[in-house]
Amino acid sequence: MAAMDPDQVSRAFVDHYYNTFDANRAGLVSLYQDASMLTFEGQQFQGAPNIANKLNSLPFQQCKHNISTVDCQPSGAHGGMLVFVSGILQLPGEEHPLKFSQMFHLVPTAEGSLFVLNDIFRLNYA
């Protein structure tokens, strides 16, 4: 198997993640596994079902993410990667978008794809 370019993979992942979040949030559950952990505004959620419940319970049904930056570093000897994202989140009816930062630790599966092992999300109010 050819080595993956971390920058290309991370950008493809980011496009897929936020397009799915904005259009069909429930579809994100397949990106997580039982070992996955989400820290959302300081609250921790372990495992794909708990993460999906948190994301689906957010107090808005529609939103639009606009990504400003994507930074990536290889992580570990088996093809994992750290992905740091910054951008803005526009909610319907809200005049001002919200700035956010999100970090993903992507880890390869036995099948050759990647899953989200760690996910940290924060709104940036400053």
N, C-alpha and C. Protein backbone atom coordinates (compact mmCIF):
# COMPACT_ATOMS: atom_id res chain seq x y z
N MET A 1 0.84 -1.18 0.00
CA MET A 1 0.00 0.00 0.00
C MET A 1 0.88 1.24 0.00
N ALA A 2 0.58 2.20 -0.84
CA ALA A 2 1.36 3.42 -0.93
C ALA A 2 1.10 4.28 0.31
N ALA A 3 2.13 5.01 0.72
CA ALA A 3 1.98 5.89 1.87
C ALA A 3 1.01 7.02 1.54
N MET A 4 0.20 7.35 2.51
CA MET A 4 -0.76 8.43 2.32
C MET A 4 -0.07 9.76 2.61
N ASP A 5 -0.39 10.78 1.81
CA ASP A 5 0.08 12.13 2.07
C ASP A 5 -0.79 12.70 3.19
N PRO A 6 -0.22 12.93 4.38
CA PRO A 6 -1.04 13.39 5.50
C PRO A 6 -1.83 14.67 5.21
N ASP A 7 -1.24 15.61 4.47
CA ASP A 7 -1.95 16.85 4.17
C ASP A 7 -3.18 16.60 3.30
N GLN A 8 -3.01 15.76 2.27
CA GLN A 8 -4.15 15.45 1.40
C GLN A 8 -5.22 14.69 2.16
N VAL A 9 -4.81 13.72 2.95
CA VAL A 9 -5.77 12.91 3.71
C VAL A 9 -6.50 13.78 4.72
N SER A 10 -5.77 14.65 5.42
CA SER A 10 -6.41 15.48 6.44
C SER A 10 -7.40 16.44 5.80
N ARG A 11 -7.07 17.02 4.67
CA ARG A 11 -8.00 17.94 4.01
C ARG A 11 -9.24 17.20 3.50
N ALA A 12 -9.04 16.00 2.96
CA ALA A 12 -10.19 15.20 2.51
C ALA A 12 -11.07 14.83 3.70
N PHE A 13 -10.45 14.46 4.82
CA PHE A 13 -11.22 14.14 6.02
C PHE A 13 -12.01 15.35 6.49
N VAL A 14 -11.36 16.51 6.58
CA VAL A 14 -12.02 17.73 7.05
C VAL A 14 -13.20 18.08 6.15
N ASP A 15 -13.01 18.01 4.84
CA ASP A 15 -14.12 18.28 3.91
C ASP A 15 -15.28 17.33 4.18
N HIS A 16 -14.97 16.04 4.30
CA HIS A 16 -16.00 15.03 4.54
C HIS A 16 -16.70 15.26 5.88
N TYR A 17 -15.92 15.49 6.93
CA TYR A 17 -16.49 15.64 8.27
C TYR A 17 -17.47 16.81 8.32
N TYR A 18 -17.04 17.99 7.88
CA TYR A 18 -17.90 19.17 8.03
C TYR A 18 -19.05 19.18 7.03
N ASN A 19 -18.86 18.64 5.83
CA ASN A 19 -19.99 18.51 4.90
C ASN A 19 -21.04 17.57 5.48
N THR A 20 -20.59 16.47 6.09
CA THR A 20 -21.52 15.53 6.73
C THR A 20 -22.18 16.17 7.93
N PHE A 21 -21.42 16.87 8.76
CA PHE A 21 -21.98 17.54 9.93
C PHE A 21 -23.08 18.51 9.51
N ASP A 22 -22.82 19.29 8.47
CA ASP A 22 -23.77 20.32 8.05
C ASP A 22 -25.01 19.74 7.37
N ALA A 23 -24.87 18.60 6.69
CA ALA A 23 -25.98 18.05 5.90
C ALA A 23 -26.69 16.88 6.58
N ASN A 24 -25.95 16.05 7.33
CA ASN A 24 -26.51 14.82 7.89
C ASN A 24 -25.70 14.41 9.12
N ARG A 25 -25.86 15.16 10.20
CA ARG A 25 -25.03 14.99 11.39
C ARG A 25 -25.01 13.54 11.88
N ALA A 26 -26.12 12.83 11.76
CA ALA A 26 -26.19 11.43 12.21
C ALA A 26 -25.19 10.55 11.46
N GLY A 27 -24.80 10.96 10.25
CA GLY A 27 -23.85 10.20 9.46
C GLY A 27 -22.43 10.21 10.01
N LEU A 28 -22.16 11.05 10.99
CA LEU A 28 -20.81 11.12 11.56
C LEU A 28 -20.48 9.92 12.43
N VAL A 29 -21.48 9.19 12.90
CA VAL A 29 -21.24 8.09 13.85
C VAL A 29 -20.27 7.06 13.28
N SER A 30 -20.26 6.87 11.97
CA SER A 30 -19.38 5.86 11.36
C SER A 30 -17.91 6.25 11.44
N LEU A 31 -17.61 7.49 11.77
CA LEU A 31 -16.22 7.94 11.88
C LEU A 31 -15.61 7.63 13.24
N TYR A 32 -16.44 7.20 14.19
CA TYR A 32 -16.00 6.95 15.56
C TYR A 32 -16.13 5.46 15.89
N GLN A 33 -15.39 5.01 16.92
CA GLN A 33 -15.48 3.63 17.40
C GLN A 33 -15.66 3.65 18.92
N ASP A 34 -15.72 2.47 19.52
CA ASP A 34 -15.92 2.38 20.97
C ASP A 34 -14.81 3.07 21.76
N ALA A 35 -13.59 3.05 21.23
CA ALA A 35 -12.46 3.67 21.93
C ALA A 35 -12.41 5.18 21.74
N SER A 36 -13.23 5.72 20.86
CA SER A 36 -13.20 7.15 20.55
C SER A 36 -13.65 8.00 21.73
N MET A 37 -13.06 9.20 21.83
CA MET A 37 -13.48 10.15 22.86
C MET A 37 -13.65 11.52 22.23
N LEU A 38 -14.76 12.18 22.58
CA LEU A 38 -15.04 13.56 22.20
C LEU A 38 -15.01 14.41 23.46
N THR A 39 -14.26 15.51 23.41
CA THR A 39 -14.36 16.54 24.44
C THR A 39 -14.98 17.75 23.75
N PHE A 40 -16.21 18.07 24.15
CA PHE A 40 -16.98 19.14 23.53
C PHE A 40 -17.22 20.22 24.58
N GLU A 41 -16.53 21.36 24.41
CA GLU A 41 -16.66 22.45 25.37
C GLU A 41 -16.41 21.96 26.80
N GLY A 42 -15.41 21.08 26.97
CA GLY A 42 -15.01 20.62 28.28
C GLY A 42 -15.73 19.37 28.77
N GLN A 43 -16.79 18.94 28.10
CA GLN A 43 -17.51 17.73 28.49
C GLN A 43 -16.98 16.55 27.68
N GLN A 44 -16.72 15.41 28.35
CA GLN A 44 -16.18 14.24 27.66
C GLN A 44 -17.26 13.20 27.39
N PHE A 45 -17.17 12.60 26.21
CA PHE A 45 -18.09 11.55 25.77
C PHE A 45 -17.27 10.42 25.19
N GLN A 46 -17.48 9.19 25.66
CA GLN A 46 -16.70 8.03 25.25
C GLN A 46 -17.56 7.11 24.40
N GLY A 47 -17.02 6.66 23.27
CA GLY A 47 -17.70 5.67 22.42
C GLY A 47 -18.61 6.30 21.39
N ALA A 48 -18.71 5.63 20.24
CA ALA A 48 -19.48 6.16 19.11
C ALA A 48 -20.93 6.49 19.47
N PRO A 49 -21.67 5.62 20.19
CA PRO A 49 -23.07 5.97 20.49
C PRO A 49 -23.21 7.23 21.34
N ASN A 50 -22.35 7.39 22.35
CA ASN A 50 -22.42 8.57 23.21
C ASN A 50 -22.02 9.84 22.45
N ILE A 51 -21.03 9.72 21.57
CA ILE A 51 -20.61 10.86 20.76
C ILE A 51 -21.74 11.25 19.80
N ALA A 52 -22.35 10.26 19.16
CA ALA A 52 -23.46 10.54 18.24
C ALA A 52 -24.61 11.21 18.99
N ASN A 53 -24.93 10.72 20.19
CA ASN A 53 -26.00 11.33 20.98
C ASN A 53 -25.70 12.79 21.28
N LYS A 54 -24.45 13.09 21.63
CA LYS A 54 -24.08 14.48 21.93
C LYS A 54 -24.23 15.35 20.68
N LEU A 55 -23.67 14.90 19.57
CA LEU A 55 -23.72 15.72 18.36
C LEU A 55 -25.15 15.92 17.88
N ASN A 56 -25.98 14.89 18.00
CA ASN A 56 -27.37 15.00 17.55
C ASN A 56 -28.23 15.80 18.51
N SER A 57 -27.76 16.02 19.74
CA SER A 57 -28.55 16.77 20.72
C SER A 57 -28.17 18.25 20.77
N LEU A 58 -27.27 18.69 19.92
CA LEU A 58 -26.90 20.10 19.92
C LEU A 58 -28.15 20.94 19.63
N PRO A 59 -28.23 22.15 20.20
CA PRO A 59 -29.47 22.93 20.15
C PRO A 59 -29.73 23.63 18.81
N PHE A 60 -29.19 23.11 17.74
CA PHE A 60 -29.48 23.64 16.40
C PHE A 60 -29.49 22.47 15.43
N GLN A 61 -30.37 22.54 14.46
CA GLN A 61 -30.47 21.46 13.47
C GLN A 61 -29.65 21.76 12.22
N GLN A 62 -29.53 23.03 11.89
CA GLN A 62 -28.80 23.41 10.69
C GLN A 62 -27.65 24.33 11.06
N CYS A 63 -26.58 24.23 10.30
CA CYS A 63 -25.44 25.11 10.48
C CYS A 63 -24.57 25.02 9.24
N LYS A 64 -23.59 25.91 9.17
CA LYS A 64 -22.63 25.90 8.06
C LYS A 64 -21.26 26.20 8.63
N HIS A 65 -20.33 25.24 8.45
CA HIS A 65 -18.94 25.44 8.86
C HIS A 65 -18.17 26.03 7.68
N ASN A 66 -17.39 27.06 7.94
CA ASN A 66 -16.45 27.61 6.97
C ASN A 66 -15.05 27.46 7.57
N ILE A 67 -14.23 26.66 6.91
CA ILE A 67 -12.92 26.31 7.44
C ILE A 67 -11.89 27.35 7.02
N SER A 68 -11.13 27.85 8.00
CA SER A 68 -10.07 28.82 7.74
C SER A 68 -8.72 28.15 7.57
N THR A 69 -8.38 27.24 8.49
CA THR A 69 -7.08 26.58 8.44
C THR A 69 -7.21 25.10 8.78
N VAL A 70 -6.33 24.30 8.18
CA VAL A 70 -6.19 22.88 8.51
C VAL A 70 -4.70 22.61 8.64
N ASP A 71 -4.27 22.19 9.82
CA ASP A 71 -2.88 21.83 10.06
C ASP A 71 -2.82 20.36 10.43
N CYS A 72 -1.79 19.67 9.95
CA CYS A 72 -1.70 18.23 10.14
C CYS A 72 -0.28 17.84 10.51
N GLN A 73 -0.17 16.83 11.39
CA GLN A 73 1.12 16.22 11.72
C GLN A 73 0.94 14.71 11.73
N PRO A 74 1.93 13.97 11.20
CA PRO A 74 1.88 12.51 11.36
C PRO A 74 1.94 12.16 12.84
N SER A 75 1.29 11.06 13.22
CA SER A 75 1.25 10.64 14.62
C SER A 75 1.43 9.13 14.71
N GLY A 76 2.56 8.72 15.24
CA GLY A 76 2.81 7.30 15.42
C GLY A 76 3.34 6.65 14.17
N ALA A 77 3.77 5.41 14.32
CA ALA A 77 4.44 4.69 13.23
C ALA A 77 3.46 4.00 12.30
N HIS A 78 2.17 4.01 12.62
CA HIS A 78 1.22 3.23 11.84
C HIS A 78 0.29 4.08 10.98
N GLY A 79 0.65 5.33 10.75
CA GLY A 79 -0.12 6.14 9.82
C GLY A 79 -1.19 7.01 10.43
N GLY A 80 -1.16 7.18 11.75
CA GLY A 80 -2.11 8.09 12.38
C GLY A 80 -1.74 9.54 12.10
N MET A 81 -2.65 10.45 12.42
CA MET A 81 -2.35 11.86 12.22
C MET A 81 -3.16 12.72 13.16
N LEU A 82 -2.56 13.85 13.51
CA LEU A 82 -3.24 14.89 14.27
C LEU A 82 -3.68 15.96 13.28
N VAL A 83 -4.93 16.38 13.40
CA VAL A 83 -5.47 17.40 12.49
C VAL A 83 -6.08 18.51 13.35
N PHE A 84 -5.60 19.73 13.15
CA PHE A 84 -6.12 20.89 13.88
C PHE A 84 -6.84 21.79 12.89
N VAL A 85 -8.08 22.14 13.23
CA VAL A 85 -8.94 22.91 12.33
C VAL A 85 -9.38 24.19 13.04
N SER A 86 -9.38 25.29 12.33
CA SER A 86 -10.02 26.51 12.84
C SER A 86 -10.95 27.03 11.77
N GLY A 87 -11.99 27.70 12.21
CA GLY A 87 -12.95 28.23 11.26
C GLY A 87 -14.07 28.96 11.96
N ILE A 88 -15.15 29.16 11.20
CA ILE A 88 -16.33 29.81 11.76
C ILE A 88 -17.54 28.92 11.53
N LEU A 89 -18.48 29.03 12.46
CA LEU A 89 -19.71 28.27 12.44
C LEU A 89 -20.86 29.27 12.34
N GLN A 90 -21.62 29.17 11.26
CA GLN A 90 -22.76 30.07 11.06
C GLN A 90 -24.04 29.32 11.37
N LEU A 91 -24.83 29.87 12.30
CA LEU A 91 -26.11 29.28 12.66
C LEU A 91 -27.23 30.10 12.04
N PRO A 92 -28.31 29.45 11.58
CA PRO A 92 -29.43 30.17 10.99
C PRO A 92 -30.01 31.19 11.97
N GLY A 93 -30.28 32.38 11.47
CA GLY A 93 -30.87 33.42 12.29
C GLY A 93 -29.90 34.18 13.16
N GLU A 94 -28.64 33.77 13.17
CA GLU A 94 -27.62 34.46 13.96
C GLU A 94 -26.83 35.40 13.06
N GLU A 95 -26.72 36.65 13.47
CA GLU A 95 -26.02 37.63 12.66
C GLU A 95 -24.52 37.39 12.63
N HIS A 96 -23.96 37.01 13.78
CA HIS A 96 -22.52 36.86 13.89
C HIS A 96 -22.13 35.39 13.94
N PRO A 97 -21.19 34.98 13.08
CA PRO A 97 -20.72 33.59 13.16
C PRO A 97 -19.88 33.38 14.41
N LEU A 98 -19.77 32.12 14.82
CA LEU A 98 -18.98 31.74 15.98
C LEU A 98 -17.65 31.17 15.51
N LYS A 99 -16.55 31.64 16.10
CA LYS A 99 -15.24 31.07 15.79
C LYS A 99 -15.07 29.78 16.58
N PHE A 100 -14.44 28.79 15.95
CA PHE A 100 -14.20 27.52 16.64
C PHE A 100 -12.84 26.95 16.28
N SER A 101 -12.38 26.05 17.15
CA SER A 101 -11.19 25.24 16.90
C SER A 101 -11.55 23.79 17.20
N GLN A 102 -10.99 22.88 16.42
CA GLN A 102 -11.26 21.46 16.64
C GLN A 102 -10.00 20.67 16.30
N MET A 103 -9.71 19.67 17.13
CA MET A 103 -8.55 18.81 16.92
C MET A 103 -9.04 17.37 16.79
N PHE A 104 -8.54 16.68 15.78
CA PHE A 104 -8.85 15.27 15.57
C PHE A 104 -7.55 14.46 15.64
N HIS A 105 -7.59 13.31 16.30
CA HIS A 105 -6.52 12.33 16.23
C HIS A 105 -7.09 11.17 15.41
N LEU A 106 -6.61 11.03 14.19
CA LEU A 106 -7.09 9.99 13.28
C LEU A 106 -6.15 8.80 13.36
N VAL A 107 -6.74 7.61 13.43
CA VAL A 107 -5.97 6.37 13.61
C VAL A 107 -6.42 5.38 12.54
N PRO A 108 -5.48 4.66 11.91
CA PRO A 108 -5.87 3.70 10.87
C PRO A 108 -6.63 2.50 11.44
N THR A 109 -7.55 1.98 10.64
CA THR A 109 -8.26 0.75 10.97
C THR A 109 -7.56 -0.41 10.27
N ALA A 110 -7.91 -1.62 10.64
CA ALA A 110 -7.35 -2.81 10.00
C ALA A 110 -7.73 -2.86 8.52
N GLU A 111 -8.85 -2.24 8.17
CA GLU A 111 -9.31 -2.25 6.78
C GLU A 111 -8.62 -1.19 5.92
N GLY A 112 -7.81 -0.34 6.54
CA GLY A 112 -7.07 0.65 5.77
C GLY A 112 -7.69 2.03 5.74
N SER A 113 -8.82 2.23 6.40
CA SER A 113 -9.39 3.57 6.50
C SER A 113 -8.94 4.20 7.81
N LEU A 114 -9.51 5.32 8.15
CA LEU A 114 -9.16 6.01 9.39
C LEU A 114 -10.41 6.20 10.24
N PHE A 115 -10.22 6.22 11.56
CA PHE A 115 -11.33 6.59 12.43
C PHE A 115 -10.84 7.66 13.40
N VAL A 116 -11.78 8.37 14.01
CA VAL A 116 -11.46 9.43 14.96
C VAL A 116 -11.30 8.80 16.34
N LEU A 117 -10.07 8.78 16.84
CA LEU A 117 -9.82 8.28 18.19
C LEU A 117 -10.11 9.38 19.21
N ASN A 118 -9.62 10.59 18.93
CA ASN A 118 -9.83 11.73 19.82
C ASN A 118 -10.34 12.91 19.02
N ASP A 119 -11.26 13.66 19.62
CA ASP A 119 -11.89 14.82 18.99
C ASP A 119 -12.11 15.85 20.09
N ILE A 120 -11.51 17.03 19.95
CA ILE A 120 -11.68 18.10 20.93
C ILE A 120 -12.22 19.32 20.20
N PHE A 121 -13.35 19.84 20.70
CA PHE A 121 -14.01 20.99 20.07
C PHE A 121 -14.15 22.11 21.09
N ARG A 122 -13.83 23.34 20.65
CA ARG A 122 -14.01 24.53 21.48
C ARG A 122 -14.47 25.70 20.62
N LEU A 123 -15.45 26.44 21.14
CA LEU A 123 -15.78 27.74 20.57
C LEU A 123 -14.74 28.73 21.08
N ASN A 124 -14.38 29.70 20.24
CA ASN A 124 -13.39 30.71 20.61
C ASN A 124 -14.10 32.04 20.79
N TYR A 125 -14.30 32.43 22.03
CA TYR A 125 -15.04 33.67 22.32
C TYR A 125 -14.15 34.89 22.37
N ALA A 126 -12.86 34.73 22.55
CA ALA A 126 -11.96 35.87 22.71
C ALA A 126 -11.66 36.52 21.38
